[in-house]
């Protein structure tokens, strides 16, 4: 389930703004998700790329080699919509179950 959540978050962030891997890690951390490590994000991005949900493009960097930026594809947009729907459904179920005890 965590893999799916990381994928959902990455697709959401890339949909908001094209970005490169480390910047996506920083954005996750700035959102309060400080437990998500680079070692989790890069494999998730690779899975998204293999699935055709994001496509890379390289942007020259003032410091060092070009950076690999990711943009959302149509298939990625469709997957984001599907994942958000699933997450909202699951979140509602959890809230329903846990609110019965209070």
Protein backbone atom coordinates (compact mmCIF):
# COMPACT_ATOMS: atom_id res chain seq x y z
CA UNK A 1 0.00 0.00 0.00
CA UNK A 2 2.88 2.39 0.75
CA UNK A 3 4.25 1.93 -2.79
CA UNK A 4 0.89 3.00 -4.17
CA UNK A 5 0.78 6.01 -1.90
CA UNK A 6 4.28 7.13 -2.90
CA UNK A 7 3.32 6.73 -6.55
CA UNK A 8 0.17 8.78 -6.00
CA UNK A 9 2.14 11.55 -4.29
CA UNK A 10 4.81 11.64 -7.00
CA UNK A 11 2.23 11.76 -9.79
CA UNK A 12 0.45 14.58 -7.94
CA UNK A 13 3.66 16.58 -7.50
CA UNK A 14 4.75 16.09 -11.13
CA UNK A 15 1.27 17.11 -12.27
CA UNK A 16 1.62 20.32 -10.25
CA UNK A 17 5.06 21.06 -11.68
CA UNK A 18 7.67 19.19 -13.70
CA UNK A 19 10.63 18.46 -11.44
CA UNK A 20 13.73 16.32 -10.96
CA UNK A 21 14.15 13.51 -8.44
CA UNK A 22 15.91 15.29 -5.59
CA UNK A 23 13.56 18.29 -5.84
CA UNK A 24 10.61 15.90 -5.51
CA UNK A 25 12.20 14.47 -2.34
CA UNK A 26 12.57 18.01 -0.97
CA UNK A 27 8.95 18.84 -1.81
CA UNK A 28 7.78 15.70 0.00
CA UNK A 29 9.88 16.63 3.03
CA UNK A 30 8.57 20.20 2.97
CA UNK A 31 5.05 18.75 3.02
CA UNK A 32 5.87 16.98 6.28
CA UNK A 33 6.71 13.56 4.83
CA UNK A 34 10.23 13.54 6.24
CA UNK A 35 10.40 9.73 6.55
CA UNK A 36 10.38 9.24 2.77
CA UNK A 37 13.97 8.69 1.66
CA UNK A 38 15.63 9.27 -1.69
CA UNK A 39 16.11 5.51 -1.88
CA UNK A 40 12.33 5.16 -1.98
CA UNK A 41 11.59 7.98 -4.42
CA UNK A 42 13.99 7.06 -7.23
CA UNK A 43 12.74 3.46 -7.65
CA UNK A 44 9.15 4.76 -7.57
CA UNK A 45 9.99 7.26 -10.32
CA UNK A 46 11.58 4.46 -12.35
CA UNK A 47 8.39 2.37 -11.96
CA UNK A 48 6.31 5.36 -13.08
CA UNK A 49 8.56 5.82 -16.10
CA UNK A 50 8.36 2.11 -17.05
CA UNK A 51 4.57 2.26 -16.71
CA UNK A 52 4.48 5.24 -19.07
CA UNK A 53 2.99 7.58 -16.43
CA UNK A 54 5.89 10.03 -16.52
CA UNK A 55 8.39 10.84 -19.21
CA UNK A 56 11.84 12.23 -18.57
CA UNK A 57 13.52 15.11 -20.27
CA UNK A 58 16.90 16.61 -19.52
CA UNK A 59 17.43 20.23 -18.54
CA UNK A 60 20.93 21.76 -18.45
CA UNK A 61 22.13 22.61 -14.97
CA UNK A 62 24.36 25.51 -14.00
CA UNK A 63 26.12 23.12 -11.64
CA UNK A 64 27.14 19.77 -13.08
CA UNK A 65 25.36 17.52 -15.55
CA UNK A 66 21.88 18.04 -16.94
CA UNK A 67 19.04 17.17 -14.58
CA UNK A 68 16.44 14.54 -15.42
CA UNK A 69 13.06 16.23 -15.08
CA UNK A 70 9.78 14.33 -15.17
CA UNK A 71 6.52 15.35 -16.81
CA UNK A 72 3.16 13.64 -16.48
CA UNK A 73 1.81 11.79 -19.52
CA UNK A 74 -1.84 11.28 -20.45
CA UNK A 75 -1.57 7.76 -19.03
CA UNK A 76 -0.07 9.26 -15.86
CA UNK A 77 -2.95 11.70 -15.58
CA UNK A 78 -5.40 8.81 -15.93
CA UNK A 79 -3.51 6.82 -13.28
CA UNK A 80 -3.49 9.83 -10.95
CA UNK A 81 -7.27 10.16 -11.30
CA UNK A 82 -7.74 6.43 -10.64
CA UNK A 83 -5.34 6.44 -7.67
CA UNK A 84 -6.98 9.49 -6.11
CA UNK A 85 -10.38 7.85 -6.40
CA UNK A 86 -9.08 4.66 -4.76
CA UNK A 87 -7.34 6.63 -2.01
CA UNK A 88 -10.44 8.72 -1.28
CA UNK A 89 -12.55 5.56 -1.09
CA UNK A 90 -10.07 3.84 1.24
CA UNK A 91 -9.68 6.96 3.38
CA UNK A 92 -13.45 7.18 3.74
CA UNK A 93 -13.66 3.54 4.82
CA UNK A 94 -10.92 3.99 7.41
CA UNK A 95 -12.59 7.13 8.76
CA UNK A 96 -15.93 5.34 8.95
CA UNK A 97 -14.48 2.39 10.84
CA UNK A 98 -12.32 4.40 13.23
CA UNK A 99 -15.00 6.98 14.02
CA UNK A 100 -17.32 4.27 15.36
CA UNK A 101 -15.05 3.82 18.36
CA UNK A 102 -15.14 7.47 19.44
